[in-house]
Amino acid sequence: MACLLKLANLARSTFYYQHKSLQGADTYEQLKEQIRTLFNCHMGRYGYRRITAGIRQFGQQVNHKTVQRLMGTLGLKSLVRPKKYRSFKGEVGQAAPNELRRRFKAAAPYQKWVTDVTEFHVAGERLYLSPVLDLYNGEIVAFETSKRPAFELVDSMLKKALAKLGPSDRPLLHSDQGWQYRMPAYQRQLRERQLVQSMSRKGNCLDNAAMESFFAVLKSEFFYLNKFSTVDELRDGLTDYIRYYNHDRIKLKLKGLSPVQYRTQALAA
């Protein structure tokens, strides 16, 4: 040992100090384990911001930059977000004005809703999803799935959503200019419940950005993370994911709470 230290021109005290440091425990080992647990629990859907918020929910103060660095060290990274199916098929029925005008914030539940249709491809078949999202907390109020983009898909979704309303609830309901939302039967139900219909301007997907954002999250966190043999298997998975999204998946803009937690807490205050 003495010969090696002499050849390396290294003091004995320096060698043993570095050796002791290398043998010491990783000060971030517990935090790393918490990061791994949260990341795996949410199936890779959380980035460093939500991981940080999740750890803070358990009363542990941690810097988001530390979490970001440790996630990089652990090789943990959330996924990218692709685009969606378009439902506009020309001038069918009556279009409504853009009453929402990209005002995506609501002061209370059931004030502003947005909706759209997206499609999935599995084993040579297609499955269509039609949800309604509440802009107050991002909660999926109701949804319907179908193997065909027929009017019954949107009609069933609308009936489920309207059933959630109280006698005095009259949310604005915004969509794109898809043919389903121009149908007289759809617009009649809105008038009967005294709901204001709103539509995006033609070719302006940003007018319904909140719904676009949900579809991007849904596909990157659920659809592209899994393999499905049949559309029935996909349909069951969508039901499970939407429940997870509403009840368990935290949102940073909701103070680190899930949509249902945020709504429940606000109503109890």
Protein backbone atom coordinates (compact mmCIF):
# COMPACT_ATOMS: atom_id res chain seq x y z
CA MET A 1 0.00 0.00 0.00
CA ALA A 2 2.80 2.43 0.93
CA CYS A 3 4.48 1.83 -2.45
CA LEU A 4 1.24 2.48 -4.33
CA LEU A 5 0.61 5.72 -2.44
CA LYS A 6 4.17 6.84 -3.16
CA LEU A 7 3.82 6.06 -6.87
CA ALA A 8 0.49 7.93 -7.00
CA ASN A 9 1.95 10.84 -5.02
CA LEU A 10 -1.09 10.57 -2.72
CA ALA A 11 -1.10 11.20 1.04
CA ARG A 12 -2.30 8.31 3.22
CA SER A 13 -4.90 10.55 4.92
CA THR A 14 -6.34 11.61 1.53
CA PHE A 15 -6.63 8.01 0.39
CA TYR A 16 -8.53 6.88 3.48
CA TYR A 17 -10.81 9.95 3.41
CA GLN A 18 -11.86 9.20 -0.18
CA HIS A 19 -12.21 5.50 0.60
CA LYS A 20 -14.51 6.24 3.54
CA SER A 21 -16.61 8.60 1.40
CA LEU A 22 -17.09 5.95 -1.26
CA GLN A 23 -18.12 3.42 1.34
CA GLY A 24 -20.68 5.77 2.90
CA ALA A 25 -24.43 5.46 2.31
CA ASP A 26 -26.15 7.37 -0.49
CA THR A 27 -27.83 10.35 1.22
CA TYR A 28 -30.55 10.31 -1.45
CA GLU A 29 -31.27 6.58 -1.35
CA GLN A 30 -34.59 6.99 0.50
CA LEU A 31 -35.68 9.79 -1.83
CA LYS A 32 -34.71 7.73 -4.86
CA GLU A 33 -36.84 4.87 -3.60
CA GLN A 34 -39.81 7.22 -3.12
CA ILE A 35 -39.31 8.52 -6.66
CA ARG A 36 -39.17 4.97 -8.08
CA THR A 37 -42.29 3.97 -6.13
CA LEU A 38 -44.36 6.95 -7.32
CA PHE A 39 -43.11 6.62 -10.90
CA ASN A 40 -44.00 2.92 -11.02
CA CYS A 41 -47.29 3.41 -9.17
CA HIS A 42 -48.42 5.81 -11.89
CA MET A 43 -46.98 3.61 -14.65
CA GLY A 44 -44.48 6.19 -15.87
CA ARG A 45 -47.12 8.90 -16.33
CA TYR A 46 -45.58 11.39 -13.89
CA GLY A 47 -42.77 13.80 -14.73
CA TYR A 48 -40.55 15.41 -12.10
CA ARG A 49 -43.10 18.11 -11.19
CA ARG A 50 -45.86 15.62 -10.27
CA ILE A 51 -43.36 13.33 -8.57
CA THR A 52 -42.28 16.31 -6.45
CA ALA A 53 -45.89 17.17 -5.61
CA GLY A 54 -46.61 13.53 -4.74
CA ILE A 55 -43.68 13.38 -2.31
CA ARG A 56 -44.74 16.66 -0.71
CA GLN A 57 -48.22 15.23 -0.10
CA PHE A 58 -46.60 12.90 2.41
CA GLY A 59 -45.18 15.88 4.33
CA GLN A 60 -41.63 15.72 2.97
CA GLN A 61 -40.21 18.96 1.61
CA VAL A 62 -38.09 18.37 -1.47
CA ASN A 63 -36.79 20.66 -4.21
CA HIS A 64 -38.14 19.95 -7.69
CA LYS A 65 -34.67 20.40 -9.19
CA THR A 66 -33.34 17.66 -6.92
CA VAL A 67 -36.15 15.34 -8.04
CA GLN A 68 -35.48 16.19 -11.69
CA ARG A 69 -31.76 15.43 -11.28
CA LEU A 70 -32.38 12.15 -9.46
CA MET A 71 -34.93 11.04 -12.05
CA GLY A 72 -32.29 11.66 -14.70
CA THR A 73 -29.82 9.57 -12.72
CA LEU A 74 -32.41 6.78 -12.40
CA GLY A 75 -33.35 6.96 -16.07
CA LEU A 76 -37.00 7.83 -15.34
CA LYS A 77 -38.74 10.01 -17.91
CA SER A 78 -42.38 10.68 -18.83
CA LEU A 79 -43.70 10.27 -22.37
CA VAL A 80 -44.40 12.54 -25.35
CA ARG A 81 -47.83 13.47 -26.64
CA PRO A 82 -49.12 12.90 -30.18
CA LYS A 83 -52.14 14.36 -32.02
CA LYS A 84 -55.84 13.41 -32.31
CA TYR A 85 -58.55 12.47 -34.75
CA ARG A 86 -60.60 15.25 -36.41
CA SER A 87 -64.36 14.97 -36.61
CA PHE A 88 -65.28 17.89 -38.90
CA LYS A 89 -66.99 16.61 -42.06
CA GLY A 90 -68.27 19.77 -43.68
CA GLU A 91 -71.24 22.06 -43.29
CA VAL A 92 -73.89 19.90 -41.64
CA GLY A 93 -76.69 21.44 -39.60
CA GLN A 94 -76.33 24.67 -37.63
CA ALA A 95 -73.06 25.88 -36.10
CA ALA A 96 -73.02 27.79 -32.78
CA PRO A 97 -70.89 30.86 -31.98
CA ASN A 98 -67.69 30.56 -29.98
CA GLU A 99 -69.07 31.61 -26.60
CA LEU A 100 -66.17 30.08 -24.65
CA ARG A 101 -63.51 32.20 -26.42
CA ARG A 102 -60.64 30.23 -24.84
CA ARG A 103 -61.66 31.22 -21.31
CA PHE A 104 -60.70 27.85 -19.88
CA LYS A 105 -61.12 28.71 -16.20
CA ALA A 106 -64.32 28.21 -14.21
CA ALA A 107 -65.08 29.46 -10.71
CA ALA A 108 -67.22 26.46 -9.73
CA PRO A 109 -68.21 22.98 -10.95
CA TYR A 110 -70.80 22.67 -13.74
CA GLN A 111 -70.21 26.16 -15.16
CA LYS A 112 -68.15 25.33 -18.25
CA TRP A 113 -67.89 21.98 -20.02
CA VAL A 114 -65.92 20.96 -23.10
CA THR A 115 -66.31 17.86 -25.26
CA ASP A 116 -64.91 16.17 -28.37
CA VAL A 117 -64.41 12.73 -29.95
CA THR A 118 -61.14 10.86 -30.39
CA GLU A 119 -60.35 7.49 -31.97
CA PHE A 120 -58.10 4.52 -31.23
CA HIS A 121 -56.85 1.77 -33.57
CA VAL A 122 -56.53 -1.77 -32.19
CA ALA A 123 -56.15 -5.06 -34.08
CA GLY A 124 -57.57 -3.65 -37.31
CA GLU A 125 -60.58 -2.12 -35.56
CA ARG A 126 -61.40 1.33 -34.23
CA LEU A 127 -62.83 2.53 -30.95
CA TYR A 128 -64.20 6.03 -30.45
CA LEU A 129 -64.31 7.90 -27.14
CA SER A 130 -66.63 10.82 -26.40
CA PRO A 131 -66.05 12.48 -22.98
CA VAL A 132 -67.23 15.66 -21.26
CA LEU A 133 -64.65 17.57 -19.20
CA ASP A 134 -65.44 20.16 -16.52
CA LEU A 135 -63.13 23.18 -16.81
CA TYR A 136 -63.36 23.84 -13.08
CA ASN A 137 -61.15 20.89 -12.13
CA GLY A 138 -60.49 18.95 -15.31
CA GLU A 139 -62.77 16.11 -14.18
CA ILE A 140 -64.33 13.81 -16.77
CA VAL A 141 -68.01 14.23 -15.95
CA ALA A 142 -69.25 11.52 -18.32
CA PHE A 143 -68.05 9.50 -21.31
CA GLU A 144 -69.17 6.94 -23.86
CA THR A 145 -67.33 4.59 -26.23
CA SER A 146 -68.38 2.99 -29.50
CA LYS A 147 -66.89 1.08 -32.43
CA ARG A 148 -68.56 3.54 -34.80
CA PRO A 149 -68.58 7.36 -34.71
CA ALA A 150 -72.37 7.41 -34.98
CA PHE A 151 -74.60 10.03 -33.39
CA GLU A 152 -75.61 7.55 -30.67
CA LEU A 153 -72.06 7.84 -29.26
CA VAL A 154 -72.39 11.56 -28.54
CA ASP A 155 -76.09 11.32 -27.68
CA SER A 156 -75.42 8.71 -24.97
CA MET A 157 -72.54 10.75 -23.58
CA LEU A 158 -74.73 13.87 -23.42
CA LYS A 159 -77.54 12.07 -21.60
CA LYS A 160 -75.07 10.76 -18.99
CA ALA A 161 -73.63 14.25 -18.48
CA LEU A 162 -77.02 15.95 -18.20
CA ALA A 163 -78.05 13.40 -15.57
CA LYS A 164 -75.27 14.75 -13.31
CA LEU A 165 -76.77 18.26 -13.24
CA GLY A 166 -78.93 19.68 -10.50
CA PRO A 167 -82.08 21.69 -11.27
CA SER A 168 -80.18 25.01 -11.27
CA ASP A 169 -77.02 23.82 -13.07
CA ARG A 170 -76.70 25.22 -16.61
CA PRO A 171 -73.13 24.87 -17.85
CA LEU A 172 -71.93 26.23 -21.15
CA LEU A 173 -71.03 23.24 -23.36
CA HIS A 174 -68.23 23.79 -25.87
CA SER A 175 -67.18 21.54 -28.76
CA ASP A 176 -65.66 21.77 -32.22
CA GLN A 177 -67.87 22.03 -35.32
CA GLY A 178 -68.17 18.25 -35.68
CA TRP A 179 -71.34 17.06 -37.37
CA GLN A 180 -72.57 15.33 -34.20
CA TYR A 181 -72.83 18.64 -32.36
CA ARG A 182 -74.79 20.22 -35.22
CA MET A 183 -77.50 17.55 -35.13
CA PRO A 184 -80.98 18.88 -34.24
CA ALA A 185 -81.47 16.15 -31.61
CA TYR A 186 -78.25 17.18 -29.83
CA GLN A 187 -79.04 20.90 -29.92
CA ARG A 188 -82.63 20.29 -28.81
CA GLN A 189 -81.45 18.58 -25.61
CA LEU A 190 -79.26 21.56 -24.79
CA ARG A 191 -82.13 23.98 -25.33
CA GLU A 192 -84.46 21.90 -23.17
CA ARG A 193 -81.98 22.09 -20.29
CA GLN A 194 -81.25 25.78 -21.05
CA LEU A 195 -77.56 25.11 -21.70
CA VAL A 196 -75.57 27.51 -23.89
CA GLN A 197 -73.90 25.79 -26.84
CA SER A 198 -70.48 26.99 -27.94
CA MET A 199 -68.30 25.86 -30.86
CA SER A 200 -64.70 26.42 -31.85
CA ARG A 201 -64.03 28.49 -34.94
CA LYS A 202 -63.37 26.42 -38.03
CA GLY A 203 -59.77 25.23 -38.17
CA ASN A 204 -58.91 26.56 -34.68
CA CYS A 205 -58.10 23.53 -32.53
CA LEU A 206 -56.74 25.85 -29.82
CA ASP A 207 -60.32 26.99 -29.17
CA ASN A 208 -60.82 23.59 -27.53
CA ALA A 209 -57.30 23.24 -26.14
CA ALA A 210 -58.46 21.88 -22.76
CA MET A 211 -60.06 18.85 -24.41
CA GLU A 212 -57.08 18.42 -26.75
CA SER A 213 -54.83 18.39 -23.69
CA PHE A 214 -56.84 15.63 -22.02
CA PHE A 215 -56.68 13.45 -25.13
CA ALA A 216 -52.90 13.96 -25.31
CA VAL A 217 -52.49 12.92 -21.68
CA LEU A 218 -54.82 9.94 -22.12
CA LYS A 219 -52.94 8.60 -25.12
CA SER A 220 -49.43 9.18 -23.82
CA GLU A 221 -50.11 7.93 -20.28
CA PHE A 222 -52.44 5.05 -21.12
CA PHE A 223 -52.86 4.03 -24.75
CA TYR A 224 -49.23 4.13 -25.87
CA LEU A 225 -47.99 2.52 -22.65
CA ASN A 226 -50.03 -0.64 -23.15
CA LYS A 227 -50.78 -3.31 -25.75
CA PHE A 228 -54.36 -4.34 -26.49
CA SER A 229 -55.54 -7.47 -28.29
CA THR A 230 -59.13 -6.31 -28.82
CA VAL A 231 -61.17 -3.12 -28.66
CA ASP A 232 -63.14 -4.65 -25.77
CA GLU A 233 -59.92 -4.89 -23.80
CA LEU A 234 -59.18 -1.28 -24.67
CA ARG A 235 -62.68 -0.20 -23.60
CA ASP A 236 -62.22 -1.78 -20.17
CA GLY A 237 -58.83 -0.12 -19.84
CA LEU A 238 -60.27 3.29 -20.72
CA THR A 239 -62.83 2.94 -17.94
CA ASP A 240 -60.09 2.12 -15.45
CA TYR A 241 -57.85 4.96 -16.64
CA ILE A 242 -60.59 7.60 -16.50
CA ARG A 243 -61.40 6.56 -12.96
CA TYR A 244 -57.68 6.86 -12.12
CA TYR A 245 -57.54 10.26 -13.85
CA ASN A 246 -60.50 11.58 -11.88
CA HIS A 247 -59.72 10.14 -8.45
CA ASP A 248 -55.97 9.48 -8.17
CA ARG A 249 -53.93 11.47 -10.71
CA ILE A 250 -52.83 14.74 -9.12
CA LYS A 251 -52.78 18.05 -10.98
CA LEU A 252 -50.27 20.72 -10.04
CA LYS A 253 -52.69 23.54 -10.83
CA LEU A 254 -55.18 21.92 -8.41
CA LYS A 255 -52.74 22.32 -5.51
CA GLY A 256 -51.45 18.79 -5.91
CA LEU A 257 -54.90 17.18 -5.67
CA SER A 258 -56.82 14.97 -8.07
CA PRO A 259 -59.90 16.48 -9.80
CA VAL A 260 -62.35 14.72 -7.46
CA GLN A 261 -60.29 15.59 -4.37
CA TYR A 262 -60.21 19.23 -5.45
CA ARG A 263 -63.96 19.40 -6.11
CA THR A 264 -64.79 17.62 -2.85
CA GLN A 265 -62.49 19.86 -0.82
CA ALA A 266 -63.93 23.02 -2.41
CA LEU A 267 -67.54 21.99 -1.78
CA ALA A 268 -66.75 21.12 1.85
CA ALA A 269 -65.15 24.52 2.52
